[in-house]
Amino acid sequence: MMAYAQALRRSAGSGISRWLRRLLLIVFGLVVVLPVGVVLLFRVMPPPFTPLMAERFFADGPVTKHWVPLSAISPNLVRAVIASEDSKFCSHHGFDWDAIDRAIEKDAAGDRLHGGSTISQQTAKNLFLLPDRTWTRKGIEAGFTVLLEAMWPKRRILEAYLNVAEWGPQRFGADAAARAEFGKAASALSVSEAARLATVLPDPRRYHAGKPGPYVARQSQVVAARMAIVRRDHLDGCIYNSA
């Protein structure tokens, strides 16, 4: 009888161990293998949609998007977003710690996160997450940022950023934005047009690049001046091999 009871206990223990191993394998697959696989896949192919595109589609109807290679996007827009969003893009490894510290200090009182995100972080968010302002989302975003920086060249990160960013109601990507706002391809954007598109990026459903109000008109001039600095100081050197 005692031998039978011991056998039952060993059998139960073995069953629990197998269940735990399976659970750990599932967790490992979801937390590590799946994200790595998706990041590797999107390195070589455009994502068919993003969570925000899906949300906009179900809430408001069809979205406009048109993926184009970085070579089909004006260098003016590349320099504009570097100037406006992340001047250290070519030199950091995904995170601008000084900007993060400043953002945390500013947001400590309200416990809400504003600013401090690099282009790499924004690309991770735009590709894989919804833009809710929570610490959980920021943590997941950080994980995807590390993967992007480890597995993608900077050119691919910026290409994805420019192609999946929301640039107006139901409108995603630089080419869709350029055609809607200025009636031209993204490759033909002038300095002032690129500066205005970069200016509206933080709130593209409120501001308009094609018909700028006082804020966009004023701030885009600041961005245009910074674009000259980006070019002069080769802050776009990871995108264009500056002499």
C-alpha atoms as a PDB file:
ATOM      1  CA  MET A   1       0.000   0.000   0.000  1.00  0.00           C
ATOM      2  CA  MET A   2       2.827   2.356   0.893  1.00  0.00           C
ATOM      3  CA  ALA A   3       4.603   1.537  -2.364  1.00  0.00           C
ATOM      4  CA  TYR A   4       1.421   2.354  -4.275  1.00  0.00           C
ATOM      5  CA  ALA A   5       1.096   5.728  -2.495  1.00  0.00           C
ATOM      6  CA  GLN A   6       4.725   6.570  -3.203  1.00  0.00           C
ATOM      7  CA  ALA A   7       4.221   5.696  -6.854  1.00  0.00           C
ATOM      8  CA  LEU A   8       1.203   8.012  -7.007  1.00  0.00           C
ATOM      9  CA  ARG A   9       3.212  10.840  -5.474  1.00  0.00           C
ATOM     10  CA  ARG A  10       6.057  10.321  -7.927  1.00  0.00           C
ATOM     11  CA  SER A  11       3.579  10.236 -10.803  1.00  0.00           C
ATOM     12  CA  ALA A  12       1.894  13.431  -9.596  1.00  0.00           C
ATOM     13  CA  GLY A  13       5.247  15.145  -9.139  1.00  0.00           C
ATOM     14  CA  SER A  14       6.343  14.101 -12.597  1.00  0.00           C
ATOM     15  CA  GLY A  15       3.070  15.411 -14.064  1.00  0.00           C
ATOM     16  CA  ILE A  16       3.519  18.778 -12.355  1.00  0.00           C
ATOM     17  CA  SER A  17       7.107  18.991 -13.586  1.00  0.00           C
ATOM     18  CA  ARG A  18       6.040  18.285 -17.147  1.00  0.00           C
ATOM     19  CA  TRP A  19       3.278  20.907 -16.860  1.00  0.00           C
ATOM     20  CA  LEU A  20       5.738  23.493 -15.502  1.00  0.00           C
ATOM     21  CA  ARG A  21       8.237  22.757 -18.261  1.00  0.00           C
ATOM     22  CA  ARG A  22       5.540  23.181 -20.881  1.00  0.00           C
ATOM     23  CA  LEU A  23       4.394  26.409 -19.275  1.00  0.00           C
ATOM     24  CA  LEU A  24       7.938  27.752 -19.226  1.00  0.00           C
ATOM     25  CA  LEU A  25       8.398  26.826 -22.874  1.00  0.00           C
ATOM     26  CA  ILE A  26       5.167  28.622 -23.799  1.00  0.00           C
ATOM     27  CA  VAL A  27       6.188  31.719 -21.837  1.00  0.00           C
ATOM     28  CA  PHE A  28       9.654  31.639 -23.426  1.00  0.00           C
ATOM     29  CA  GLY A  29       8.092  31.367 -26.859  1.00  0.00           C
ATOM     30  CA  LEU A  30       5.741  34.287 -26.272  1.00  0.00           C
ATOM     31  CA  VAL A  31       8.260  36.544 -24.544  1.00  0.00           C
ATOM     32  CA  VAL A  32      11.421  35.769 -26.543  1.00  0.00           C
ATOM     33  CA  VAL A  33      10.963  33.645 -29.668  1.00  0.00           C
ATOM     34  CA  LEU A  34       7.860  35.384 -31.054  1.00  0.00           C
ATOM     35  CA  PRO A  35       9.143  38.976 -30.690  1.00  0.00           C
ATOM     36  CA  VAL A  36      12.547  38.055 -32.117  1.00  0.00           C
ATOM     37  CA  GLY A  37      10.916  36.255 -35.037  1.00  0.00           C
ATOM     38  CA  VAL A  38       8.594  39.161 -35.838  1.00  0.00           C
ATOM     39  CA  VAL A  39      11.432  41.690 -35.645  1.00  0.00           C
ATOM     40  CA  LEU A  40      13.566  39.578 -37.977  1.00  0.00           C
ATOM     41  CA  LEU A  41      10.647  39.170 -40.391  1.00  0.00           C
ATOM     42  CA  PHE A  42       9.944  42.906 -40.540  1.00  0.00           C
ATOM     43  CA  ARG A  43      13.595  43.598 -41.222  1.00  0.00           C
ATOM     44  CA  VAL A  44      13.113  42.196 -44.724  1.00  0.00           C
ATOM     45  CA  MET A  45       9.421  42.846 -45.415  1.00  0.00           C
ATOM     46  CA  PRO A  46       7.028  45.732 -44.712  1.00  0.00           C
ATOM     47  CA  PRO A  47       4.522  45.053 -41.944  1.00  0.00           C
ATOM     48  CA  PRO A  48       1.041  44.605 -43.454  1.00  0.00           C
ATOM     49  CA  PHE A  49      -0.492  46.718 -40.676  1.00  0.00           C
ATOM     50  CA  THR A  50       0.196  48.010 -37.176  1.00  0.00           C
ATOM     51  CA  PRO A  51      -1.981  47.954 -34.035  1.00  0.00           C
ATOM     52  CA  LEU A  52      -2.773  51.657 -34.453  1.00  0.00           C
ATOM     53  CA  MET A  53      -3.743  51.163 -38.100  1.00  0.00           C
ATOM     54  CA  ALA A  54      -6.094  48.373 -37.015  1.00  0.00           C
ATOM     55  CA  GLU A  55      -7.584  50.540 -34.271  1.00  0.00           C
ATOM     56  CA  ARG A  56      -8.166  53.444 -36.655  1.00  0.00           C
ATOM     57  CA  PHE A  57      -9.677  51.108 -39.253  1.00  0.00           C
ATOM     58  CA  PHE A  58     -12.223  49.607 -36.861  1.00  0.00           C
ATOM     59  CA  ALA A  59     -13.049  52.981 -35.302  1.00  0.00           C
ATOM     60  CA  ASP A  60     -13.164  55.252 -38.352  1.00  0.00           C
ATOM     61  CA  GLY A  61     -12.948  53.192 -41.537  1.00  0.00           C
ATOM     62  CA  PRO A  62     -10.281  52.534 -44.193  1.00  0.00           C
ATOM     63  CA  VAL A  63      -6.780  53.942 -43.762  1.00  0.00           C
ATOM     64  CA  THR A  64      -4.380  55.188 -46.429  1.00  0.00           C
ATOM     65  CA  LYS A  65      -0.854  53.777 -46.365  1.00  0.00           C
ATOM     66  CA  HIS A  66       1.840  53.322 -48.963  1.00  0.00           C
ATOM     67  CA  TRP A  67       5.216  51.854 -48.008  1.00  0.00           C
ATOM     68  CA  VAL A  68       8.141  53.235 -50.000  1.00  0.00           C
ATOM     69  CA  PRO A  69      11.873  52.545 -49.617  1.00  0.00           C
ATOM     70  CA  LEU A  70      14.026  55.124 -47.905  1.00  0.00           C
ATOM     71  CA  SER A  71      15.584  55.956 -51.263  1.00  0.00           C
ATOM     72  CA  ALA A  72      12.145  57.211 -52.370  1.00  0.00           C
ATOM     73  CA  ILE A  73      11.865  59.635 -49.437  1.00  0.00           C
ATOM     74  CA  SER A  74      13.445  63.057 -49.659  1.00  0.00           C
ATOM     75  CA  PRO A  75      16.580  63.569 -47.542  1.00  0.00           C
ATOM     76  CA  ASN A  76      14.845  66.758 -46.435  1.00  0.00           C
ATOM     77  CA  LEU A  77      12.269  64.705 -44.542  1.00  0.00           C
ATOM     78  CA  VAL A  78      14.924  62.419 -43.090  1.00  0.00           C
ATOM     79  CA  ARG A  79      16.790  65.440 -41.742  1.00  0.00           C
ATOM     80  CA  ALA A  80      13.556  67.051 -40.589  1.00  0.00           C
ATOM     81  CA  VAL A  81      12.546  64.156 -38.345  1.00  0.00           C
ATOM     82  CA  ILE A  82      16.078  63.810 -36.977  1.00  0.00           C
ATOM     83  CA  ALA A  83      16.107  67.545 -36.258  1.00  0.00           C
ATOM     84  CA  SER A  84      12.640  67.530 -34.708  1.00  0.00           C
ATOM     85  CA  GLU A  85      12.437  64.182 -32.947  1.00  0.00           C
ATOM     86  CA  ASP A  86      15.889  62.768 -32.223  1.00  0.00           C
ATOM     87  CA  SER A  87      19.100  64.640 -33.034  1.00  0.00           C
ATOM     88  CA  LYS A  88      21.186  61.829 -31.478  1.00  0.00           C
ATOM     89  CA  PHE A  89      19.590  59.103 -33.599  1.00  0.00           C
ATOM     90  CA  CYS A  90      22.819  58.114 -35.332  1.00  0.00           C
ATOM     91  CA  SER A  91      24.897  58.055 -32.148  1.00  0.00           C
ATOM     92  CA  HIS A  92      22.701  56.370 -29.518  1.00  0.00           C
ATOM     93  CA  HIS A  93      21.788  52.710 -29.188  1.00  0.00           C
ATOM     94  CA  GLY A  94      18.054  53.179 -28.866  1.00  0.00           C
ATOM     95  CA  PHE A  95      17.770  55.405 -25.800  1.00  0.00           C
ATOM     96  CA  ASP A  96      18.655  59.020 -25.093  1.00  0.00           C
ATOM     97  CA  TRP A  97      19.189  58.829 -21.343  1.00  0.00           C
ATOM     98  CA  ASP A  98      19.505  62.589 -20.859  1.00  0.00           C
ATOM     99  CA  ALA A  99      16.163  63.157 -22.591  1.00  0.00           C
ATOM    100  CA  ILE A 100      14.576  60.335 -20.573  1.00  0.00           C
ATOM    101  CA  ASP A 101      15.805  61.871 -17.300  1.00  0.00           C
ATOM    102  CA  ARG A 102      14.374  65.258 -18.279  1.00  0.00           C
ATOM    103  CA  ALA A 103      11.040  63.709 -19.239  1.00  0.00           C
ATOM    104  CA  ILE A 104      10.778  61.787 -15.974  1.00  0.00           C
ATOM    105  CA  GLU A 105      11.528  64.928 -13.972  1.00  0.00           C
ATOM    106  CA  LYS A 106       8.840  66.879 -15.835  1.00  0.00           C
ATOM    107  CA  ASP A 107       6.250  64.132 -15.500  1.00  0.00           C
ATOM    108  CA  ALA A 108       6.913  63.063 -11.924  1.00  0.00           C
ATOM    109  CA  ALA A 109       4.119  65.171 -10.475  1.00  0.00           C
ATOM    110  CA  GLY A 110       1.401  63.906 -12.830  1.00  0.00           C
ATOM    111  CA  ASP A 111       2.736  60.336 -13.130  1.00  0.00           C
ATOM    112  CA  ARG A 112       2.314  60.558 -16.910  1.00  0.00           C
ATOM    113  CA  LEU A 113       5.060  60.051 -19.480  1.00  0.00           C
ATOM    114  CA  HIS A 114       5.735  62.762 -22.044  1.00  0.00           C
ATOM    115  CA  GLY A 115       8.661  63.093 -24.392  1.00  0.00           C
ATOM    116  CA  GLY A 116      12.071  61.521 -24.128  1.00  0.00           C
ATOM    117  CA  SER A 117      11.392  58.887 -26.796  1.00  0.00           C
ATOM    118  CA  THR A 118      13.956  58.363 -29.528  1.00  0.00           C
ATOM    119  CA  ILE A 119      13.078  57.510 -33.120  1.00  0.00           C
ATOM    120  CA  SER A 120      13.991  53.913 -32.306  1.00  0.00           C
ATOM    121  CA  GLN A 121      11.541  53.855 -29.388  1.00  0.00           C
ATOM    122  CA  GLN A 122       8.821  55.480 -31.459  1.00  0.00           C
ATOM    123  CA  THR A 123       9.392  52.937 -34.219  1.00  0.00           C
ATOM    124  CA  ALA A 124       9.012  50.092 -31.709  1.00  0.00           C
ATOM    125  CA  LYS A 125       5.810  51.637 -30.392  1.00  0.00           C
ATOM    126  CA  ASN A 126       4.363  52.358 -33.829  1.00  0.00           C
ATOM    127  CA  LEU A 127       5.128  48.876 -35.159  1.00  0.00           C
ATOM    128  CA  PHE A 128       4.017  46.723 -32.261  1.00  0.00           C
ATOM    129  CA  LEU A 129       1.973  48.676 -29.700  1.00  0.00           C
ATOM    130  CA  LEU A 130      -0.810  51.162 -29.174  1.00  0.00           C
ATOM    131  CA  PRO A 131       0.150  54.676 -28.006  1.00  0.00           C
ATOM    132  CA  ASP A 132      -1.326  54.468 -24.503  1.00  0.00           C
ATOM    133  CA  ARG A 133       0.699  56.272 -21.846  1.00  0.00           C
ATOM    134  CA  THR A 134       1.424  53.575 -19.278  1.00  0.00           C
ATOM    135  CA  TRP A 135       4.563  52.234 -17.630  1.00  0.00           C
ATOM    136  CA  THR A 136       3.715  48.728 -18.883  1.00  0.00           C
ATOM    137  CA  ARG A 137       3.633  49.869 -22.497  1.00  0.00           C
ATOM    138  CA  LYS A 138       6.894  51.768 -22.034  1.00  0.00           C
ATOM    139  CA  GLY A 139       8.505  48.625 -20.631  1.00  0.00           C
ATOM    140  CA  ILE A 140       7.403  46.487 -23.593  1.00  0.00           C
ATOM    141  CA  GLU A 141       8.446  49.289 -25.936  1.00  0.00           C
ATOM    142  CA  ALA A 142      11.920  49.264 -24.378  1.00  0.00           C
ATOM    143  CA  GLY A 143      12.242  45.540 -25.053  1.00  0.00           C
ATOM    144  CA  PHE A 144      11.304  45.944 -28.699  1.00  0.00           C
ATOM    145  CA  THR A 145      13.672  48.934 -28.968  1.00  0.00           C
ATOM    146  CA  VAL A 146      16.582  46.760 -27.845  1.00  0.00           C
ATOM    147  CA  LEU A 147      15.635  44.142 -30.451  1.00  0.00           C
ATOM    148  CA  LEU A 148      15.357  46.715 -33.242  1.00  0.00           C
ATOM    149  CA  GLU A 149      18.719  48.265 -32.426  1.00  0.00           C
ATOM    150  CA  ALA A 150      20.358  44.823 -32.207  1.00  0.00           C
ATOM    151  CA  MET A 151      18.840  43.336 -35.370  1.00  0.00           C
ATOM    152  CA  TRP A 152      18.181  46.246 -37.730  1.00  0.00           C
ATOM    153  CA  PRO A 153      20.521  48.825 -39.265  1.00  0.00           C
ATOM    154  CA  LYS A 154      19.709  52.444 -38.555  1.00  0.00           C
ATOM    155  CA  ARG A 155      18.526  52.926 -42.144  1.00  0.00           C
ATOM    156  CA  ARG A 156      15.855  50.253 -41.697  1.00  0.00           C
ATOM    157  CA  ILE A 157      14.703  51.724 -38.387  1.00  0.00           C
ATOM    158  CA  LEU A 158      14.249  55.158 -39.953  1.00  0.00           C
ATOM    159  CA  GLU A 159      12.632  53.697 -43.066  1.00  0.00           C
ATOM    160  CA  ALA A 160      10.079  51.868 -40.927  1.00  0.00           C
ATOM    161  CA  TYR A 161       9.507  54.952 -38.782  1.00  0.00           C
ATOM    162  CA  LEU A 162       8.735  57.132 -41.786  1.00  0.00           C
ATOM    163  CA  ASN A 163       6.433  54.515 -43.303  1.00  0.00           C
ATOM    164  CA  VAL A 164       4.279  53.564 -40.309  1.00  0.00           C
ATOM    165  CA  ALA A 165       3.999  56.881 -38.458  1.00  0.00           C
ATOM    166  CA  GLU A 166       0.525  58.401 -38.335  1.00  0.00           C
ATOM    167  CA  TRP A 167       0.539  61.641 -40.327  1.00  0.00           C
ATOM    168  CA  GLY A 168      -3.088  62.654 -40.280  1.00  0.00           C
ATOM    169  CA  PRO A 169      -6.597  61.219 -39.925  1.00  0.00           C
ATOM    170  CA  GLN A 170      -6.555  57.684 -41.386  1.00  0.00           C
ATOM    171  CA  ARG A 171      -3.201  58.431 -43.013  1.00  0.00           C
ATOM    172  CA  PHE A 172       0.038  56.548 -42.389  1.00  0.00           C
ATOM    173  CA  GLY A 173       3.478  56.931 -43.894  1.00  0.00           C
ATOM    174  CA  ALA A 174       5.479  59.742 -45.433  1.00  0.00           C
ATOM    175  CA  ASP A 175       4.379  59.127 -49.005  1.00  0.00           C
ATOM    176  CA  ALA A 176       0.670  59.123 -48.135  1.00  0.00           C
ATOM    177  CA  ALA A 177       1.210  62.316 -46.132  1.00  0.00           C
ATOM    178  CA  ALA A 178       3.156  64.076 -48.892  1.00  0.00           C
ATOM    179  CA  ARG A 179       0.545  63.244 -51.506  1.00  0.00           C
ATOM    180  CA  ALA A 180      -2.373  64.289 -49.290  1.00  0.00           C
ATOM    181  CA  GLU A 181      -0.842  67.519 -47.994  1.00  0.00           C
ATOM    182  CA  PHE A 182       1.224  68.690 -50.960  1.00  0.00           C
ATOM    183  CA  GLY A 183       0.091  66.647 -53.951  1.00  0.00           C
ATOM    184  CA  LYS A 184       3.526  65.156 -54.547  1.00  0.00           C
ATOM    185  CA  ALA A 185       5.586  62.083 -53.756  1.00  0.00           C
ATOM    186  CA  ALA A 186       7.681  61.955 -50.599  1.00  0.00           C
ATOM    187  CA  SER A 187      10.799  62.030 -52.770  1.00  0.00           C
ATOM    188  CA  ALA A 188       9.959  65.569 -53.968  1.00  0.00           C
ATOM    189  CA  LEU A 189       9.440  67.290 -50.606  1.00  0.00           C
ATOM    190  CA  SER A 190      11.138  70.652 -50.171  1.00  0.00           C
ATOM    191  CA  VAL A 191      12.838  71.808 -46.986  1.00  0.00           C
ATOM    192  CA  SER A 192       9.818  73.811 -45.818  1.00  0.00           C
ATOM    193  CA  GLU A 193       7.353  71.020 -46.630  1.00  0.00           C
ATOM    194  CA  ALA A 194       9.469  68.442 -44.824  1.00  0.00           C
ATOM    195  CA  ALA A 195       9.808  70.734 -41.823  1.00  0.00           C
ATOM    196  CA  ARG A 196       6.037  71.143 -41.620  1.00  0.00           C
ATOM    197  CA  LEU A 197       5.455  67.383 -41.831  1.00  0.00           C
ATOM    198  CA  ALA A 198       7.944  66.811 -39.025  1.00  0.00           C
ATOM    199  CA  THR A 199       6.303  69.532 -36.951  1.00  0.00           C
ATOM    200  CA  VAL A 200       2.867  67.899 -37.017  1.00  0.00           C
ATOM    201  CA  LEU A 201       4.154  64.398 -36.127  1.00  0.00           C
ATOM    202  CA  PRO A 202       3.553  64.704 -32.359  1.00  0.00           C
ATOM    203  CA  ASP A 203      -0.155  65.433 -32.926  1.00  0.00           C
ATOM    204  CA  PRO A 204      -1.062  64.699 -36.571  1.00  0.00           C
ATOM    205  CA  ARG A 205      -4.814  64.577 -35.988  1.00  0.00           C
ATOM    206  CA  ARG A 206      -4.776  68.131 -34.661  1.00  0.00           C
ATOM    207  CA  TYR A 207      -2.252  69.954 -36.846  1.00  0.00           C
ATOM    208  CA  HIS A 208      -2.017  70.139 -40.643  1.00  0.00           C
ATOM    209  CA  ALA A 209       1.140  70.483 -42.694  1.00  0.00           C
ATOM    210  CA  GLY A 210      -0.595  71.511 -45.931  1.00  0.00           C
ATOM    211  CA  LYS A 211      -2.555  74.360 -44.358  1.00  0.00           C
ATOM    212  CA  PRO A 212      -0.442  75.315 -41.341  1.00  0.00           C
ATOM    213  CA  GLY A 213      -1.802  77.395 -38.516  1.00  0.00           C
ATOM    214  CA  PRO A 214       0.338  79.826 -36.502  1.00  0.00           C
ATOM    215  CA  TYR A 215       1.992  77.117 -34.385  1.00  0.00           C
ATOM    216  CA  VAL A 216       2.981  74.878 -37.319  1.00  0.00           C
ATOM    217  CA  ALA A 217       4.166  77.843 -39.380  1.00  0.00           C
ATOM    218  CA  ARG A 218       6.323  79.114 -36.516  1.00  0.00           C
ATOM    219  CA  GLN A 219       7.685  75.783 -35.299  1.00  0.00           C
ATOM    220  CA  SER A 220       8.449  74.511 -38.798  1.00  0.00           C
ATOM    221  CA  GLN A 221      10.858  77.432 -39.232  1.00  0.00           C
ATOM    222  CA  VAL A 222      12.690  76.250 -36.123  1.00  0.00           C
ATOM    223  CA  VAL A 223      12.819  72.718 -37.527  1.00  0.00           C
ATOM    224  CA  ALA A 224      14.124  74.005 -40.867  1.00  0.00           C
ATOM    225  CA  ALA A 225      16.961  75.807 -39.078  1.00  0.00           C
ATOM    226  CA  ARG A 226      17.811  72.640 -37.172  1.00  0.00           C
ATOM    227  CA  MET A 227      17.802  70.663 -40.426  1.00  0.00           C
ATOM    228  CA  ALA A 228      20.709  72.798 -41.606  1.00  0.00           C
ATOM    229  CA  ILE A 229      22.580  71.855 -38.425  1.00  0.00           C
ATOM    230  CA  VAL A 230      21.823  68.168 -38.989  1.00  0.00           C
ATOM    231  CA  ARG A 231      23.373  68.411 -42.437  1.00  0.00           C
ATOM    232  CA  ARG A 232      26.298  70.590 -41.362  1.00  0.00           C
ATOM    233  CA  ASP A 233      27.266  68.399 -38.399  1.00  0.00           C
ATOM    234  CA  HIS A 234      26.585  65.103 -40.226  1.00  0.00           C
ATOM    235  CA  LEU A 235      23.963  64.063 -37.668  1.00  0.00           C
ATOM    236  CA  ASP A 236      22.455  62.000 -40.481  1.00  0.00           C
ATOM    237  CA  GLY A 237      25.733  60.143 -41.059  1.00  0.00           C
ATOM    238  CA  CYS A 238      24.229  56.705 -40.341  1.00  0.00           C
ATOM    239  CA  ILE A 239      21.775  57.303 -43.188  1.00  0.00           C
ATOM    240  CA  TYR A 240      23.918  59.186 -45.665  1.00  0.00           C
ATOM    241  CA  ASN A 241      27.666  58.745 -45.838  1.00  0.00           C
ATOM    242  CA  SER A 242      28.590  62.387 -45.512  1.00  0.00           C
ATOM    243  CA  ALA A 243      31.975  63.457 -46.794  1.00  0.00           C
END
